PDB file of all heavy atoms in Angstrom:
ATOM      1  N   SER A   1      -3.100   5.234   5.726  1.00  0.00           N
ATOM      2  CA  SER A   1      -3.327   6.420   4.905  1.00  0.00           C
ATOM      3  C   SER A   1      -2.870   6.207   3.481  1.00  0.00           C
ATOM      4  O   SER A   1      -3.544   6.615   2.540  1.00  0.00           O
ATOM      5  CB  SER A   1      -2.581   7.637   5.511  1.00  0.00           C
ATOM      6  OG  SER A   1      -3.173   8.011   6.722  1.00  0.00           O
ATOM      7  N   GLU A   2      -1.701   5.583   3.343  1.00  0.00           N
ATOM      8  CA  GLU A   2      -1.200   5.325   1.991  1.00  0.00           C
ATOM      9  C   GLU A   2      -2.115   4.386   1.193  1.00  0.00           C
ATOM     10  O   GLU A   2      -2.362   4.627   0.010  1.00  0.00           O
ATOM     11  CB  GLU A   2       0.214   4.748   2.041  1.00  0.00           C
ATOM     12  CG  GLU A   2       1.257   5.781   2.357  1.00  0.00           C
ATOM     13  CD  GLU A   2       1.635   6.622   1.159  1.00  0.00           C
ATOM     14  OE1 GLU A   2       0.887   7.583   0.847  1.00  0.00           O
ATOM     15  OE2 GLU A   2       2.668   6.335   0.551  1.00  0.00           O
ATOM     16  N   ALA A   3      -2.594   3.356   1.851  1.00  0.00           N
ATOM     17  CA  ALA A   3      -3.523   2.400   1.182  1.00  0.00           C
ATOM     18  C   ALA A   3      -4.816   3.104   0.825  1.00  0.00           C
ATOM     19  O   ALA A   3      -5.352   2.941  -0.318  1.00  0.00           O
ATOM     20  CB  ALA A   3      -3.841   1.207   2.090  1.00  0.00           C
ATOM     21  N   TYR A   4      -5.296   3.928   1.709  1.00  0.00           N
ATOM     22  CA  TYR A   4      -6.520   4.705   1.406  1.00  0.00           C
ATOM     23  C   TYR A   4      -6.298   5.584   0.194  1.00  0.00           C
ATOM     24  O   TYR A   4      -7.120   5.577  -0.728  1.00  0.00           O
ATOM     25  CB  TYR A   4      -6.860   5.551   2.639  1.00  0.00           C
ATOM     26  CG  TYR A   4      -8.165   6.213   2.554  1.00  0.00           C
ATOM     27  CD1 TYR A   4      -9.295   5.667   3.170  1.00  0.00           C
ATOM     28  CD2 TYR A   4      -8.365   7.381   1.804  1.00  0.00           C
ATOM     29  CE1 TYR A   4     -10.566   6.275   3.097  1.00  0.00           C
ATOM     30  CE2 TYR A   4      -9.618   8.002   1.714  1.00  0.00           C
ATOM     31  CZ  TYR A   4     -10.708   7.440   2.368  1.00  0.00           C
ATOM     32  OH  TYR A   4     -11.936   8.030   2.274  1.00  0.00           O
ATOM     33  N   ARG A   5      -5.166   6.298   0.132  1.00  0.00           N
ATOM     34  CA  ARG A   5      -4.893   7.173  -1.009  1.00  0.00           C
ATOM     35  C   ARG A   5      -4.747   6.388  -2.301  1.00  0.00           C
ATOM     36  O   ARG A   5      -5.201   6.825  -3.352  1.00  0.00           O
ATOM     37  CB  ARG A   5      -3.606   7.972  -0.763  1.00  0.00           C
ATOM     38  CG  ARG A   5      -3.835   9.235   0.034  1.00  0.00           C
ATOM     39  CD  ARG A   5      -2.593  10.151   0.045  1.00  0.00           C
ATOM     40  NE  ARG A   5      -1.485   9.596   0.767  1.00  0.00           N
ATOM     41  CZ  ARG A   5      -1.310   9.739   2.063  1.00  0.00           C
ATOM     42  NH1 ARG A   5      -2.160  10.392   2.795  1.00  0.00           N
ATOM     43  NH2 ARG A   5      -0.269   9.209   2.640  1.00  0.00           N
ATOM     44  N   CYS A   6      -4.087   5.228  -2.245  1.00  0.00           N
ATOM     45  CA  CYS A   6      -3.946   4.413  -3.454  1.00  0.00           C
ATOM     46  C   CYS A   6      -5.282   4.128  -4.083  1.00  0.00           C
ATOM     47  O   CYS A   6      -5.441   4.258  -5.316  1.00  0.00           O
ATOM     48  CB  CYS A   6      -3.198   3.108  -3.102  1.00  0.00           C
ATOM     49  SG  CYS A   6      -1.458   3.232  -2.835  1.00  0.00           S
ATOM     50  N   VAL A   7      -6.210   3.688  -3.269  1.00  0.00           N
ATOM     51  CA  VAL A   7      -7.518   3.330  -3.777  1.00  0.00           C
ATOM     52  C   VAL A   7      -8.336   4.566  -4.195  1.00  0.00           C
ATOM     53  O   VAL A   7      -8.915   4.640  -5.273  1.00  0.00           O
ATOM     54  CB  VAL A   7      -8.287   2.478  -2.762  1.00  0.00           C
ATOM     55  CG1 VAL A   7      -9.728   2.231  -3.232  1.00  0.00           C
ATOM     56  CG2 VAL A   7      -7.569   1.169  -2.528  1.00  0.00           C
ATOM     57  N   ALA A   8      -8.309   5.579  -3.319  1.00  0.00           N
ATOM     58  CA  ALA A   8      -9.075   6.827  -3.646  1.00  0.00           C
ATOM     59  C   ALA A   8      -8.606   7.489  -4.907  1.00  0.00           C
ATOM     60  O   ALA A   8      -9.373   8.138  -5.608  1.00  0.00           O
ATOM     61  CB  ALA A   8      -8.979   7.778  -2.447  1.00  0.00           C
ATOM     62  N   GLU A   9      -7.272   7.399  -5.195  1.00  0.00           N
ATOM     63  CA  GLU A   9      -6.715   8.068  -6.379  1.00  0.00           C
ATOM     64  C   GLU A   9      -6.589   7.136  -7.574  1.00  0.00           C
ATOM     65  O   GLU A   9      -5.970   7.478  -8.584  1.00  0.00           O
ATOM     66  CB  GLU A   9      -5.333   8.642  -6.011  1.00  0.00           C
ATOM     67  CG  GLU A   9      -5.430   9.737  -4.974  1.00  0.00           C
ATOM     68  CD  GLU A   9      -4.089  10.181  -4.406  1.00  0.00           C
ATOM     69  OE1 GLU A   9      -3.046   9.684  -4.885  1.00  0.00           O
ATOM     70  OE2 GLU A   9      -4.098  11.018  -3.469  1.00  0.00           O
ATOM     71  N   GLY A  10      -7.151   5.927  -7.467  1.00  0.00           N
ATOM     72  CA  GLY A  10      -7.161   5.012  -8.602  1.00  0.00           C
ATOM     73  C   GLY A  10      -5.760   4.375  -8.858  1.00  0.00           C
ATOM     74  O   GLY A  10      -5.503   3.975  -9.990  1.00  0.00           O
ATOM     75  N   ALA A  11      -4.950   4.314  -7.843  1.00  0.00           N
ATOM     76  CA  ALA A  11      -3.599   3.741  -7.997  1.00  0.00           C
ATOM     77  C   ALA A  11      -3.534   2.411  -7.264  1.00  0.00           C
ATOM     78  O   ALA A  11      -2.567   2.095  -6.578  1.00  0.00           O
ATOM     79  CB  ALA A  11      -2.567   4.704  -7.480  1.00  0.00           C
ATOM     80  N   GLU A  12      -4.564   1.570  -7.432  1.00  0.00           N
ATOM     81  CA  GLU A  12      -4.629   0.317  -6.741  1.00  0.00           C
ATOM     82  C   GLU A  12      -3.456  -0.615  -7.081  1.00  0.00           C
ATOM     83  O   GLU A  12      -3.127  -1.477  -6.286  1.00  0.00           O
ATOM     84  CB  GLU A  12      -5.972  -0.385  -7.046  1.00  0.00           C
ATOM     85  CG  GLU A  12      -7.133   0.419  -6.526  1.00  0.00           C
ATOM     86  CD  GLU A  12      -8.457  -0.077  -7.062  1.00  0.00           C
ATOM     87  OE1 GLU A  12      -8.512  -1.043  -7.862  1.00  0.00           O
ATOM     88  OE2 GLU A  12      -9.489   0.553  -6.691  1.00  0.00           O
ATOM     89  N   ASP A  13      -2.854  -0.417  -8.236  1.00  0.00           N
ATOM     90  CA  ASP A  13      -1.708  -1.251  -8.614  1.00  0.00           C
ATOM     91  C   ASP A  13      -0.517  -1.057  -7.707  1.00  0.00           C
ATOM     92  O   ASP A  13       0.444  -1.839  -7.697  1.00  0.00           O
ATOM     93  CB  ASP A  13      -1.300  -0.942 -10.061  1.00  0.00           C
ATOM     94  CG  ASP A  13      -0.904   0.475 -10.304  1.00  0.00           C
ATOM     95  OD1 ASP A  13      -1.546   1.415  -9.706  1.00  0.00           O
ATOM     96  OD2 ASP A  13       0.046   0.724 -11.096  1.00  0.00           O
ATOM     97  N   GLN A  14      -0.516  -0.010  -6.887  1.00  0.00           N
ATOM     98  CA  GLN A  14       0.539   0.241  -5.927  1.00  0.00           C
ATOM     99  C   GLN A  14       0.355  -0.507  -4.582  1.00  0.00           C
ATOM    100  O   GLN A  14       1.285  -0.564  -3.737  1.00  0.00           O
ATOM    101  CB  GLN A  14       0.670   1.738  -5.635  1.00  0.00           C
ATOM    102  CG  GLN A  14       1.113   2.555  -6.838  1.00  0.00           C
ATOM    103  CD  GLN A  14       1.119   4.017  -6.571  1.00  0.00           C
ATOM    104  OE1 GLN A  14       0.999   4.516  -5.448  1.00  0.00           O
ATOM    105  NE2 GLN A  14       1.299   4.810  -7.637  1.00  0.00           N
ATOM    106  N   LEU A  15      -0.832  -1.106  -4.380  1.00  0.00           N
ATOM    107  CA  LEU A  15      -1.107  -1.798  -3.128  1.00  0.00           C
ATOM    108  C   LEU A  15      -0.196  -2.993  -2.872  1.00  0.00           C
ATOM    109  O   LEU A  15       0.259  -3.155  -1.710  1.00  0.00           O
ATOM    110  CB  LEU A  15      -2.579  -2.241  -3.076  1.00  0.00           C
ATOM    111  CG  LEU A  15      -3.602  -1.141  -2.794  1.00  0.00           C
ATOM    112  CD1 LEU A  15      -5.016  -1.714  -2.884  1.00  0.00           C
ATOM    113  CD2 LEU A  15      -3.379  -0.552  -1.417  1.00  0.00           C
ATOM    114  N   PRO A  16       0.149  -3.812  -3.864  1.00  0.00           N
ATOM    115  CA  PRO A  16       1.041  -4.931  -3.549  1.00  0.00           C
ATOM    116  C   PRO A  16       2.396  -4.483  -2.955  1.00  0.00           C
ATOM    117  O   PRO A  16       2.881  -5.087  -2.013  1.00  0.00           O
ATOM    118  CB  PRO A  16       1.197  -5.657  -4.880  1.00  0.00           C
ATOM    119  CG  PRO A  16      -0.064  -5.339  -5.614  1.00  0.00           C
ATOM    120  CD  PRO A  16      -0.395  -3.936  -5.204  1.00  0.00           C
ATOM    121  N   GLU A  17       2.982  -3.457  -3.538  1.00  0.00           N
ATOM    122  CA  GLU A  17       4.271  -2.981  -3.055  1.00  0.00           C
ATOM    123  C   GLU A  17       4.122  -2.415  -1.642  1.00  0.00           C
ATOM    124  O   GLU A  17       4.955  -2.610  -0.802  1.00  0.00           O
ATOM    125  CB  GLU A  17       4.813  -1.926  -3.986  1.00  0.00           C
ATOM    126  CG  GLU A  17       6.181  -1.459  -3.640  1.00  0.00           C
ATOM    127  CD  GLU A  17       6.744  -0.409  -4.637  1.00  0.00           C
ATOM    128  OE1 GLU A  17       6.305  -0.396  -5.777  1.00  0.00           O
ATOM    129  OE2 GLU A  17       7.659   0.327  -4.230  1.00  0.00           O
ATOM    130  N   LEU A  18       3.049  -1.668  -1.402  1.00  0.00           N
ATOM    131  CA  LEU A  18       2.773  -1.105  -0.058  1.00  0.00           C
ATOM    132  C   LEU A  18       2.545  -2.262   0.969  1.00  0.00           C
ATOM    133  O   LEU A  18       3.116  -2.170   2.051  1.00  0.00           O
ATOM    134  CB  LEU A  18       1.553  -0.193  -0.140  1.00  0.00           C
ATOM    135  CG  LEU A  18       1.192   0.473   1.188  1.00  0.00           C
ATOM    136  CD1 LEU A  18       2.312   1.426   1.651  1.00  0.00           C
ATOM    137  CD2 LEU A  18      -0.128   1.214   1.054  1.00  0.00           C
ATOM    138  N   ALA A  19       1.771  -3.234   0.590  1.00  0.00           N
ATOM    139  CA  ALA A  19       1.493  -4.362   1.498  1.00  0.00           C
ATOM    140  C   ALA A  19       2.785  -5.134   1.806  1.00  0.00           C
ATOM    141  O   ALA A  19       3.032  -5.550   2.928  1.00  0.00           O
ATOM    142  CB  ALA A  19       0.455  -5.300   0.919  1.00  0.00           C
ATOM    143  N   GLU A  20       3.616  -5.299   0.799  1.00  0.00           N
ATOM    144  CA  GLU A  20       4.902  -5.989   0.990  1.00  0.00           C
ATOM    145  C   GLU A  20       5.794  -5.214   1.955  1.00  0.00           C
ATOM    146  O   GLU A  20       6.420  -5.803   2.844  1.00  0.00           O
ATOM    147  CB  GLU A  20       5.583  -6.194  -0.359  1.00  0.00           C
ATOM    148  CG  GLU A  20       6.758  -7.110  -0.272  1.00  0.00           C
ATOM    149  CD  GLU A  20       7.341  -7.400  -1.656  1.00  0.00           C
ATOM    150  OE1 GLU A  20       7.225  -6.572  -2.581  1.00  0.00           O
ATOM    151  OE2 GLU A  20       7.890  -8.502  -1.809  1.00  0.00           O
ATOM    152  N   LEU A  21       5.837  -3.885   1.797  1.00  0.00           N
ATOM    153  CA  LEU A  21       6.634  -3.039   2.670  1.00  0.00           C
ATOM    154  C   LEU A  21       6.106  -3.125   4.099  1.00  0.00           C
ATOM    155  O   LEU A  21       6.872  -3.221   5.059  1.00  0.00           O
ATOM    156  CB  LEU A  21       6.608  -1.587   2.170  1.00  0.00           C
ATOM    157  CG  LEU A  21       7.352  -0.581   3.053  1.00  0.00           C
ATOM    158  CD1 LEU A  21       8.827  -0.905   3.170  1.00  0.00           C
ATOM    159  CD2 LEU A  21       7.162   0.829   2.478  1.00  0.00           C
ATOM    160  N   ALA A  22       4.761  -3.054   4.256  1.00  0.00           N
ATOM    161  CA  ALA A  22       4.147  -3.115   5.569  1.00  0.00           C
ATOM    162  C   ALA A  22       4.460  -4.460   6.241  1.00  0.00           C
ATOM    163  O   ALA A  22       4.776  -4.503   7.427  1.00  0.00           O
ATOM    164  CB  ALA A  22       2.640  -2.918   5.460  1.00  0.00           C
ATOM    165  N   ALA A  23       4.373  -5.563   5.482  1.00  0.00           N
ATOM    166  CA  ALA A  23       4.662  -6.866   6.032  1.00  0.00           C
ATOM    167  C   ALA A  23       6.132  -6.962   6.467  1.00  0.00           C
ATOM    168  O   ALA A  23       6.432  -7.521   7.520  1.00  0.00           O
ATOM    169  CB  ALA A  23       4.312  -7.975   5.005  1.00  0.00           C
ATOM    170  N   ALA A  24       7.017  -6.365   5.679  1.00  0.00           N
ATOM    171  CA  ALA A  24       8.432  -6.427   5.975  1.00  0.00           C
ATOM    172  C   ALA A  24       8.829  -5.551   7.148  1.00  0.00           C
ATOM    173  O   ALA A  24       9.888  -5.735   7.733  1.00  0.00           O
ATOM    174  CB  ALA A  24       9.254  -6.016   4.733  1.00  0.00           C
ATOM    175  N   SER A  25       7.928  -4.657   7.547  1.00  0.00           N
ATOM    176  CA  SER A  25       8.250  -3.701   8.641  1.00  0.00           C
ATOM    177  C   SER A  25       8.054  -4.353  10.005  1.00  0.00           C
ATOM    178  O   SER A  25       8.419  -3.733  11.012  1.00  0.00           O
ATOM    179  CB  SER A  25       7.406  -2.461   8.529  1.00  0.00           C
ATOM    180  OG  SER A  25       6.055  -2.726   8.965  1.00  0.00           O
ATOM    181  N   ARG A  26       7.613  -5.557  10.087  1.00  0.00           N
ATOM    182  CA  ARG A  26       7.380  -6.230  11.360  1.00  0.00           C
ATOM    183  C   ARG A  26       8.775  -6.585  11.924  1.00  0.00           C
ATOM    184  O   ARG A  26       9.542  -7.298  11.305  1.00  0.00           O
ATOM    185  CB  ARG A  26       6.533  -7.479  11.201  1.00  0.00           C
ATOM    186  CG  ARG A  26       5.169  -7.267  10.578  1.00  0.00           C
ATOM    187  CD  ARG A  26       4.382  -6.205  11.306  1.00  0.00           C
ATOM    188  NE  ARG A  26       3.124  -5.976  10.641  1.00  0.00           N
ATOM    189  CZ  ARG A  26       2.686  -4.762  10.317  1.00  0.00           C
ATOM    190  NH1 ARG A  26       3.382  -3.693  10.543  1.00  0.00           N
ATOM    191  NH2 ARG A  26       1.487  -4.595   9.786  1.00  0.00           N
ATOM    192  N   GLY A  27       9.047  -6.064  13.125  1.00  0.00           N
ATOM    193  CA  GLY A  27      10.400  -6.175  13.718  1.00  0.00           C
ATOM    194  C   GLY A  27      10.715  -7.481  14.325  1.00  0.00           C
ATOM    195  O   GLY A  27      11.934  -7.779  14.531  1.00  0.00           O
TER     196      GLY A  27
END
């Protein structure tokens, strides 16, 4: 949902931080 919103709202520059957080969430 967050990635979808980033792109839909033109905030694609936030994707790297989101992807890094998602990758780090792997337990």
